């Protein structure tokens, strides 16, 4: 993967672009994201956890969350480079 860490704001934009929504906070202060019931997408095996109090998302958190969502690193990198992400 050609990226290091990315700003939390950018990663949250990516999750929202996939249709994931905030579902709750866990006991360790992570925001948990999953597909809504009526989205037509299957619920994730485990929700995506994001520590929103961090300025940047560490690379290993990006990796584990991409695996949970079922997105390749290459697709994520393409999205990062696309002008659409700024919307």
PDB file of N, CA and C in Angstrom:
ATOM      1  N   UNK A   1       0.860  -1.167   0.000  1.00  0.00           N
ATOM      2  CA  UNK A   1       0.000   0.000   0.000  1.00  0.00           C
ATOM      3  C   UNK A   1       0.901   1.223   0.000  1.00  0.00           C
ATOM      4  N   UNK A   2       0.622   2.152  -0.898  1.00  0.00           N
ATOM      5  CA  UNK A   2       1.476   3.305  -1.056  1.00  0.00           C
ATOM      6  C   UNK A   2       1.185   4.454  -0.110  1.00  0.00           C
ATOM      7  N   UNK A   3       0.224   4.283   0.786  1.00  0.00           N
ATOM      8  CA  UNK A   3      -0.104   5.374   1.702  1.00  0.00           C
ATOM      9  C   UNK A   3       0.430   5.065   3.089  1.00  0.00           C
ATOM     10  N   UNK A   4       0.508   6.093   3.883  1.00  0.00           N
ATOM     11  CA  UNK A   4       0.892   5.886   5.285  1.00  0.00           C
ATOM     12  C   UNK A   4      -0.389   6.065   6.091  1.00  0.00           C
ATOM     13  N   UNK A   5      -0.437   7.017   6.977  1.00  0.00           N
ATOM     14  CA  UNK A   5      -1.691   7.280   7.659  1.00  0.00           C
ATOM     15  C   UNK A   5      -2.428   8.378   6.911  1.00  0.00           C
ATOM     16  N   UNK A   6      -3.717   8.440   7.134  1.00  0.00           N
ATOM     17  CA  UNK A   6      -4.516   9.480   6.490  1.00  0.00           C
ATOM     18  C   UNK A   6      -5.334  10.194   7.556  1.00  0.00           C
ATOM     19  N   UNK A   7      -5.762  11.418   7.266  1.00  0.00           N
ATOM     20  CA  UNK A   7      -6.590  12.131   8.236  1.00  0.00           C
ATOM     21  C   UNK A   7      -7.895  11.375   8.502  1.00  0.00           C
ATOM     22  N   UNK A   8      -8.317  11.390   9.729  1.00  0.00           N
ATOM     23  CA  UNK A   8      -9.549  10.721  10.136  1.00  0.00           C
ATOM     24  C   UNK A   8     -10.730  11.227   9.319  1.00  0.00           C
ATOM     25  N   UNK A   9     -10.787  12.537   9.058  1.00  0.00           N
ATOM     26  CA  UNK A   9     -11.882  13.126   8.281  1.00  0.00           C
ATOM     27  C   UNK A   9     -12.001  12.476   6.902  1.00  0.00           C
ATOM     28  N   UNK A  10     -10.864  12.218   6.269  1.00  0.00           N
ATOM     29  CA  UNK A  10     -10.868  11.620   4.928  1.00  0.00           C
ATOM     30  C   UNK A  10     -11.383  10.179   5.004  1.00  0.00           C
ATOM     31  N   UNK A  11     -10.944   9.434   6.013  1.00  0.00           N
ATOM     32  CA  UNK A  11     -11.399   8.052   6.135  1.00  0.00           C
ATOM     33  C   UNK A  11     -12.898   7.995   6.411  1.00  0.00           C
ATOM     34  N   UNK A  12     -13.412   8.904   7.216  1.00  0.00           N
ATOM     35  CA  UNK A  12     -14.854   8.946   7.480  1.00  0.00           C
ATOM     36  C   UNK A  12     -15.629   9.274   6.198  1.00  0.00           C
ATOM     37  N   UNK A  13     -15.087  10.156   5.361  1.00  0.00           N
ATOM     38  CA  UNK A  13     -15.717  10.450   4.069  1.00  0.00           C
ATOM     39  C   UNK A  13     -15.779   9.189   3.210  1.00  0.00           C
ATOM     40  N   UNK A  14     -14.704   8.399   3.266  1.00  0.00           N
ATOM     41  CA  UNK A  14     -14.680   7.162   2.490  1.00  0.00           C
ATOM     42  C   UNK A  14     -15.767   6.203   2.974  1.00  0.00           C
ATOM     43  N   UNK A  15     -15.877   6.046   4.279  1.00  0.00           N
ATOM     44  CA  UNK A  15     -16.900   5.147   4.822  1.00  0.00           C
ATOM     45  C   UNK A  15     -18.291   5.595   4.381  1.00  0.00           C
ATOM     46  N   UNK A  16     -18.538   6.887   4.455  1.00  0.00           N
ATOM     47  CA  UNK A  16     -19.848   7.418   4.063  1.00  0.00           C
ATOM     48  C   UNK A  16     -20.083   7.238   2.564  1.00  0.00           C
ATOM     49  N   UNK A  17     -19.019   7.343   1.755  1.00  0.00           N
ATOM     50  CA  UNK A  17     -19.169   7.147   0.308  1.00  0.00           C
ATOM     51  C   UNK A  17     -19.568   5.709  -0.020  1.00  0.00           C
ATOM     52  N   UNK A  18     -19.235   4.782   0.869  1.00  0.00           N
ATOM     53  CA  UNK A  18     -19.621   3.375   0.682  1.00  0.00           C
ATOM     54  C   UNK A  18     -21.027   3.091   1.202  1.00  0.00           C
ATOM     55  N   UNK A  19     -21.602   4.055   1.898  1.00  0.00           N
ATOM     56  CA  UNK A  19     -22.940   3.862   2.442  1.00  0.00           C
ATOM     57  C   UNK A  19     -22.962   3.453   3.904  1.00  0.00           C
ATOM     58  N   UNK A  20     -21.799   3.421   4.546  1.00  0.00           N
ATOM     59  CA  UNK A  20     -21.757   3.080   5.969  1.00  0.00           C
ATOM     60  C   UNK A  20     -22.226   4.266   6.804  1.00  0.00           C
ATOM     61  N   UNK A  21     -22.851   3.979   7.928  1.00  0.00           N
ATOM     62  CA  UNK A  21     -23.347   5.027   8.823  1.00  0.00           C
ATOM     63  C   UNK A  21     -22.887   4.749  10.252  1.00  0.00           C
ATOM     64  N   UNK A  22     -22.819   5.817  11.035  1.00  0.00           N
ATOM     65  CA  UNK A  22     -22.485   5.701  12.455  1.00  0.00           C
ATOM     66  C   UNK A  22     -23.602   4.921  13.136  1.00  0.00           C
ATOM     67  N   UNK A  23     -23.222   3.885  13.932  1.00  0.00           N
ATOM     68  CA  UNK A  23     -24.258   3.136  14.655  1.00  0.00           C
ATOM     69  C   UNK A  23     -24.193   3.364  16.162  1.00  0.00           C
ATOM     70  N   UNK A  24     -22.974   3.515  16.704  1.00  0.00           N
ATOM     71  CA  UNK A  24     -22.850   3.763  18.145  1.00  0.00           C
ATOM     72  C   UNK A  24     -21.385   3.951  18.515  1.00  0.00           C
ATOM     73  N   UNK A  25     -21.143   4.347  19.759  1.00  0.00           N
ATOM     74  CA  UNK A  25     -19.786   4.400  20.332  1.00  0.00           C
ATOM     75  C   UNK A  25     -19.604   3.167  21.190  1.00  0.00           C
ATOM     76  N   UNK A  26     -18.407   2.602  21.188  1.00  0.00           N
ATOM     77  CA  UNK A  26     -18.161   1.460  22.070  1.00  0.00           C
ATOM     78  C   UNK A  26     -17.511   1.936  23.362  1.00  0.00           C
ATOM     79  N   UNK A  27     -17.206   0.993  24.232  1.00  0.00           N
ATOM     80  CA  UNK A  27     -16.667   1.339  25.554  1.00  0.00           C
ATOM     81  C   UNK A  27     -15.254   1.915  25.503  1.00  0.00           C
ATOM     82  N   UNK A  28     -14.549   1.745  24.381  1.00  0.00           N
ATOM     83  CA  UNK A  28     -13.185   2.275  24.252  1.00  0.00           C
ATOM     84  C   UNK A  28     -13.160   3.575  23.462  1.00  0.00           C
ATOM     85  N   UNK A  29     -14.330   4.182  23.283  1.00  0.00           N
ATOM     86  CA  UNK A  29     -14.461   5.466  22.606  1.00  0.00           C
ATOM     87  C   UNK A  29     -14.203   5.393  21.102  1.00  0.00           C
ATOM     88  N   UNK A  30     -14.481   4.242  20.484  1.00  0.00           N
ATOM     89  CA  UNK A  30     -14.441   4.128  19.028  1.00  0.00           C
ATOM     90  C   UNK A  30     -15.834   4.423  18.491  1.00  0.00           C
ATOM     91  N   UNK A  31     -15.898   5.103  17.363  1.00  0.00           N
ATOM     92  CA  UNK A  31     -17.160   5.232  16.649  1.00  0.00           C
ATOM     93  C   UNK A  31     -17.287   3.996  15.769  1.00  0.00           C
ATOM     94  N   UNK A  32     -18.442   3.346  15.809  1.00  0.00           N
ATOM     95  CA  UNK A  32     -18.660   2.129  15.032  1.00  0.00           C
ATOM     96  C   UNK A  32     -19.575   2.425  13.856  1.00  0.00           C
ATOM     97  N   UNK A  33     -19.181   1.931  12.688  1.00  0.00           N
ATOM     98  CA  UNK A  33     -19.919   2.150  11.447  1.00  0.00           C
ATOM     99  C   UNK A  33     -20.315   0.815  10.834  1.00  0.00           C
ATOM    100  N   UNK A  34     -21.509   0.789  10.233  1.00  0.00           N
ATOM    101  CA  UNK A  34     -22.013  -0.394   9.546  1.00  0.00           C
ATOM    102  C   UNK A  34     -23.019   0.074   8.501  1.00  0.00           C
ATOM    103  N   UNK A  35     -23.477  -0.859   7.679  1.00  0.00           N
ATOM    104  CA  UNK A  35     -24.517  -0.527   6.710  1.00  0.00           C
ATOM    105  C   UNK A  35     -25.853  -0.432   7.431  1.00  0.00           C
ATOM    106  N   UNK A  36     -26.698   0.525   7.048  1.00  0.00           N
ATOM    107  CA  UNK A  36     -28.026   0.587   7.659  1.00  0.00           C
ATOM    108  C   UNK A  36     -28.875  -0.616   7.231  1.00  0.00           C
ATOM    109  N   UNK A  37     -29.854  -0.952   8.034  1.00  0.00           N
ATOM    110  CA  UNK A  37     -30.721  -2.107   7.775  1.00  0.00           C
ATOM    111  C   UNK A  37     -31.331  -2.065   6.373  1.00  0.00           C
ATOM    112  N   UNK A  38     -31.794  -0.908   5.951  1.00  0.00           N
ATOM    113  CA  UNK A  38     -32.534  -0.793   4.690  1.00  0.00           C
ATOM    114  C   UNK A  38     -31.657  -0.428   3.490  1.00  0.00           C
ATOM    115  N   UNK A  39     -30.344  -0.634   3.598  1.00  0.00           N
ATOM    116  CA  UNK A  39     -29.444  -0.197   2.528  1.00  0.00           C
ATOM    117  C   UNK A  39     -29.364  -1.183   1.370  1.00  0.00           C
ATOM    118  N   UNK A  40     -29.812  -2.405   1.582  1.00  0.00           N
ATOM    119  CA  UNK A  40     -29.650  -3.431   0.551  1.00  0.00           C
ATOM    120  C   UNK A  40     -28.311  -4.138   0.654  1.00  0.00           C
ATOM    121  N   UNK A  41     -27.419  -3.619   1.492  1.00  0.00           N
ATOM    122  CA  UNK A  41     -26.128  -4.269   1.737  1.00  0.00           C
ATOM    123  C   UNK A  41     -26.246  -5.175   2.956  1.00  0.00           C
ATOM    124  N   UNK A  42     -25.481  -6.227   2.946  1.00  0.00           N
ATOM    125  CA  UNK A  42     -25.453  -7.130   4.085  1.00  0.00           C
ATOM    126  C   UNK A  42     -24.684  -6.472   5.232  1.00  0.00           C
ATOM    127  N   UNK A  43     -25.151  -6.678   6.444  1.00  0.00           N
ATOM    128  CA  UNK A  43     -24.435  -6.158   7.616  1.00  0.00           C
ATOM    129  C   UNK A  43     -23.025  -6.756   7.626  1.00  0.00           C
ATOM    130  N   UNK A  44     -22.072  -6.009   8.159  1.00  0.00           N
ATOM    131  CA  UNK A  44     -20.684  -6.473   8.237  1.00  0.00           C
ATOM    132  C   UNK A  44     -20.537  -7.521   9.336  1.00  0.00           C
ATOM    133  N   UNK A  45     -19.541  -8.394   9.197  1.00  0.00           N
ATOM    134  CA  UNK A  45     -19.234  -9.383  10.241  1.00  0.00           C
ATOM    135  C   UNK A  45     -18.927  -8.685  11.562  1.00  0.00           C
ATOM    136  N   UNK A  46     -18.194  -7.597  11.444  1.00  0.00           N
ATOM    137  CA  UNK A  46     -17.917  -6.749  12.609  1.00  0.00           C
ATOM    138  C   UNK A  46     -17.964  -5.314  12.122  1.00  0.00           C
ATOM    139  N   UNK A  47     -18.463  -4.405  12.953  1.00  0.00           N
ATOM    140  CA  UNK A  47     -18.514  -3.013  12.503  1.00  0.00           C
ATOM    141  C   UNK A  47     -17.116  -2.426  12.333  1.00  0.00           C
ATOM    142  N   UNK A  48     -17.030  -1.397  11.523  1.00  0.00           N
ATOM    143  CA  UNK A  48     -15.779  -0.671  11.331  1.00  0.00           C
ATOM    144  C   UNK A  48     -15.611   0.273  12.520  1.00  0.00           C
ATOM    145  N   UNK A  49     -14.450   0.188  13.170  1.00  0.00           N
ATOM    146  CA  UNK A  49     -14.175   1.013  14.355  1.00  0.00           C
ATOM    147  C   UNK A  49     -13.190   2.123  14.007  1.00  0.00           C
ATOM    148  N   UNK A  50     -13.557   3.349  14.388  1.00  0.00           N
ATOM    149  CA  UNK A  50     -12.711   4.509  14.104  1.00  0.00           C
ATOM    150  C   UNK A  50     -12.581   5.331  15.376  1.00  0.00           C
ATOM    151  N   UNK A  51     -11.342   5.629  15.754  1.00  0.00           N
ATOM    152  CA  UNK A  51     -11.104   6.525  16.884  1.00  0.00           C
ATOM    153  C   UNK A  51     -11.112   7.949  16.358  1.00  0.00           C
ATOM    154  N   UNK A  52     -12.223   8.623  16.532  1.00  0.00           N
ATOM    155  CA  UNK A  52     -12.364   9.964  15.965  1.00  0.00           C
ATOM    156  C   UNK A  52     -11.596  11.019  16.752  1.00  0.00           C
ATOM    157  N   UNK A  53     -11.098  10.661  17.922  1.00  0.00           N
ATOM    158  CA  UNK A  53     -10.295  11.626  18.677  1.00  0.00           C
ATOM    159  C   UNK A  53      -8.839  11.638  18.186  1.00  0.00           C
ATOM    160  N   UNK A  54      -8.479  10.754  17.250  1.00  0.00           N
ATOM    161  CA  UNK A  54      -7.157  10.773  16.628  1.00  0.00           C
ATOM    162  C   UNK A  54      -7.212  11.676  15.401  1.00  0.00           C
ATOM    163  N   UNK A  55      -6.156  12.434  15.181  1.00  0.00           N
ATOM    164  CA  UNK A  55      -6.072  13.298  14.002  1.00  0.00           C
ATOM    165  C   UNK A  55      -5.932  12.446  12.732  1.00  0.00           C
ATOM    166  N   UNK A  56      -5.129  11.385  12.805  1.00  0.00           N
ATOM    167  CA  UNK A  56      -4.874  10.507  11.661  1.00  0.00           C
ATOM    168  C   UNK A  56      -5.198   9.061  12.021  1.00  0.00           C
ATOM    169  N   UNK A  57      -5.562   8.286  11.006  1.00  0.00           N
ATOM    170  CA  UNK A  57      -5.838   6.860  11.171  1.00  0.00           C
ATOM    171  C   UNK A  57      -4.536   6.107  10.884  1.00  0.00           C
ATOM    172  N   UNK A  58      -4.046   5.288  11.830  1.00  0.00           N
ATOM    173  CA  UNK A  58      -2.833   4.502  11.575  1.00  0.00           C
ATOM    174  C   UNK A  58      -3.058   3.480  10.454  1.00  0.00           C
ATOM    175  N   UNK A  59      -2.005   3.151   9.752  1.00  0.00           N
ATOM    176  CA  UNK A  59      -2.073   2.255   8.610  1.00  0.00           C
ATOM    177  C   UNK A  59      -2.686   0.901   8.959  1.00  0.00           C
ATOM    178  N   UNK A  60      -2.319   0.333  10.107  1.00  0.00           N
ATOM    179  CA  UNK A  60      -2.866  -0.996  10.449  1.00  0.00           C
ATOM    180  C   UNK A  60      -4.364  -0.928  10.724  1.00  0.00           C
ATOM    181  N   UNK A  61      -4.881   0.199  11.183  1.00  0.00           N
ATOM    182  CA  UNK A  61      -6.330   0.352  11.366  1.00  0.00           C
ATOM    183  C   UNK A  61      -7.021   0.428  10.004  1.00  0.00           C
ATOM    184  N   UNK A  62      -6.387   1.119   9.068  1.00  0.00           N
ATOM    185  CA  UNK A  62      -6.941   1.186   7.715  1.00  0.00           C
ATOM    186  C   UNK A  62      -7.027  -0.220   7.133  1.00  0.00           C
ATOM    187  N   UNK A  63      -5.948  -0.980   7.253  1.00  0.00           N
ATOM    188  CA  UNK A  63      -5.898  -2.347   6.714  1.00  0.00           C
ATOM    189  C   UNK A  63      -7.009  -3.213   7.296  1.00  0.00           C
ATOM    190  N   UNK A  64      -7.136  -3.239   8.622  1.00  0.00           N
ATOM    191  CA  UNK A  64      -8.138  -4.116   9.242  1.00  0.00           C
ATOM    192  C   UNK A  64      -9.556  -3.682   8.882  1.00  0.00           C
ATOM    193  N   UNK A  65      -9.785  -2.376   8.782  1.00  0.00           N
ATOM    194  CA  UNK A  65     -11.117  -1.906   8.414  1.00  0.00           C
ATOM    195  C   UNK A  65     -11.438  -2.207   6.959  1.00  0.00           C
ATOM    196  N   UNK A  66     -10.464  -2.110   6.068  1.00  0.00           N
ATOM    197  CA  UNK A  66     -10.703  -2.464   4.669  1.00  0.00           C
ATOM    198  C   UNK A  66     -11.054  -3.940   4.544  1.00  0.00           C
ATOM    199  N   UNK A  67     -10.392  -4.777   5.313  1.00  0.00           N
ATOM    200  CA  UNK A  67     -10.704  -6.215   5.318  1.00  0.00           C
ATOM    201  C   UNK A  67     -12.139  -6.434   5.796  1.00  0.00           C
ATOM    202  N   UNK A  68     -12.530  -5.751   6.865  1.00  0.00           N
ATOM    203  CA  UNK A  68     -13.891  -5.899   7.407  1.00  0.00           C
ATOM    204  C   UNK A  68     -14.945  -5.484   6.383  1.00  0.00           C
ATOM    205  N   UNK A  69     -14.651  -4.439   5.603  1.00  0.00           N
ATOM    206  CA  UNK A  69     -15.599  -3.942   4.606  1.00  0.00           C
ATOM    207  C   UNK A  69     -15.576  -4.815   3.353  1.00  0.00           C
ATOM    208  N   UNK A  70     -14.422  -5.439   3.102  1.00  0.00           N
ATOM    209  CA  UNK A  70     -14.279  -6.247   1.891  1.00  0.00           C
ATOM    210  C   UNK A  70     -13.820  -5.435   0.702  1.00  0.00           C
ATOM    211  N   UNK A  71     -13.021  -4.401   0.970  1.00  0.00           N
ATOM    212  CA  UNK A  71     -12.505  -3.515  -0.083  1.00  0.00           C
ATOM    213  C   UNK A  71     -11.005  -3.750  -0.211  1.00  0.00           C
ATOM    214  N   UNK A  72     -10.522  -3.799  -1.449  1.00  0.00           N
ATOM    215  CA  UNK A  72      -9.083  -3.983  -1.659  1.00  0.00           C
ATOM    216  C   UNK A  72      -8.324  -2.683  -1.390  1.00  0.00           C
ATOM    217  N   UNK A  73      -7.060  -2.840  -1.061  1.00  0.00           N
ATOM    218  CA  UNK A  73      -6.207  -1.666  -0.841  1.00  0.00           C
ATOM    219  C   UNK A  73      -6.101  -0.837  -2.123  1.00  0.00           C
ATOM    220  N   UNK A  74      -6.075  -1.538  -3.254  1.00  0.00           N
ATOM    221  CA  UNK A  74      -5.957  -0.845  -4.539  1.00  0.00           C
ATOM    222  C   UNK A  74      -7.181   0.032  -4.802  1.00  0.00           C
ATOM    223  N   UNK A  75      -8.373  -0.493  -4.505  1.00  0.00           N
ATOM    224  CA  UNK A  75      -9.591   0.308  -4.706  1.00  0.00           C
ATOM    225  C   UNK A  75      -9.606   1.520  -3.778  1.00  0.00           C
ATOM    226  N   UNK A  76      -9.157   1.320  -2.559  1.00  0.00           N
ATOM    227  CA  UNK A  76      -9.098   2.434  -1.616  1.00  0.00           C
ATOM    228  C   UNK A  76      -8.108   3.496  -2.097  1.00  0.00           C
ATOM    229  N   UNK A  77      -6.951   3.075  -2.589  1.00  0.00           N
ATOM    230  CA  UNK A  77      -5.961   4.022  -3.105  1.00  0.00           C
ATOM    231  C   UNK A  77      -6.504   4.787  -4.309  1.00  0.00           C
ATOM    232  N   UNK A  78      -7.256   4.096  -5.185  1.00  0.00           N
ATOM    233  CA  UNK A  78      -7.872   4.779  -6.331  1.00  0.00           C
ATOM    234  C   UNK A  78      -8.832   5.858  -5.849  1.00  0.00           C
ATOM    235  N   UNK A  79      -9.623   5.524  -4.824  1.00  0.00           N
ATOM    236  CA  UNK A  79     -10.562   6.507  -4.286  1.00  0.00           C
ATOM    237  C   UNK A  79      -9.809   7.706  -3.712  1.00  0.00           C
ATOM    238  N   UNK A  80      -8.709   7.449  -2.998  1.00  0.00           N
ATOM    239  CA  UNK A  80      -7.920   8.537  -2.422  1.00  0.00           C
ATOM    240  C   UNK A  80      -7.399   9.487  -3.491  1.00  0.00           C
ATOM    241  N   UNK A  81      -7.048   8.932  -4.638  1.00  0.00           N
ATOM    242  CA  UNK A  81      -6.481   9.760  -5.712  1.00  0.00           C
ATOM    243  C   UNK A  81      -7.549  10.434  -6.562  1.00  0.00           C
ATOM    244  N   UNK A  82      -8.792  10.000  -6.419  1.00  0.00           N
ATOM    245  CA  UNK A  82      -9.846  10.549  -7.269  1.00  0.00           C
ATOM    246  C   UNK A  82     -10.300  11.919  -6.785  1.00  0.00           C
ATOM    247  N   UNK A  83     -10.737  12.759  -7.730  1.00  0.00           N
ATOM    248  CA  UNK A  83     -11.239  14.083  -7.329  1.00  0.00           C
ATOM    249  C   UNK A  83     -12.594  13.998  -6.624  1.00  0.00           C
ATOM    250  N   UNK A  84     -13.320  12.870  -6.752  1.00  0.00           N
ATOM    251  CA  UNK A  84     -14.632  12.711  -6.137  1.00  0.00           C
ATOM    252  C   UNK A  84     -14.568  12.796  -4.615  1.00  0.00           C
ATOM    253  N   UNK A  85     -13.456  12.405  -4.035  1.00  0.00           N
ATOM    254  CA  UNK A  85     -13.377  12.347  -2.573  1.00  0.00           C
ATOM    255  C   UNK A  85     -13.530  13.724  -1.916  1.00  0.00           C
ATOM    256  N   UNK A  86     -13.301  14.763  -2.660  1.00  0.00           N
ATOM    257  CA  UNK A  86     -13.370  16.103  -2.092  1.00  0.00           C
ATOM    258  C   UNK A  86     -14.804  16.609  -1.923  1.00  0.00           C
ATOM    259  N   UNK A  87     -15.763  15.910  -2.500  1.00  0.00           N
ATOM    260  CA  UNK A  87     -17.171  16.343  -2.416  1.00  0.00           C
ATOM    261  C   UNK A  87     -17.754  16.041  -1.080  1.00  0.00           C
TER     262      UNK A  87
END
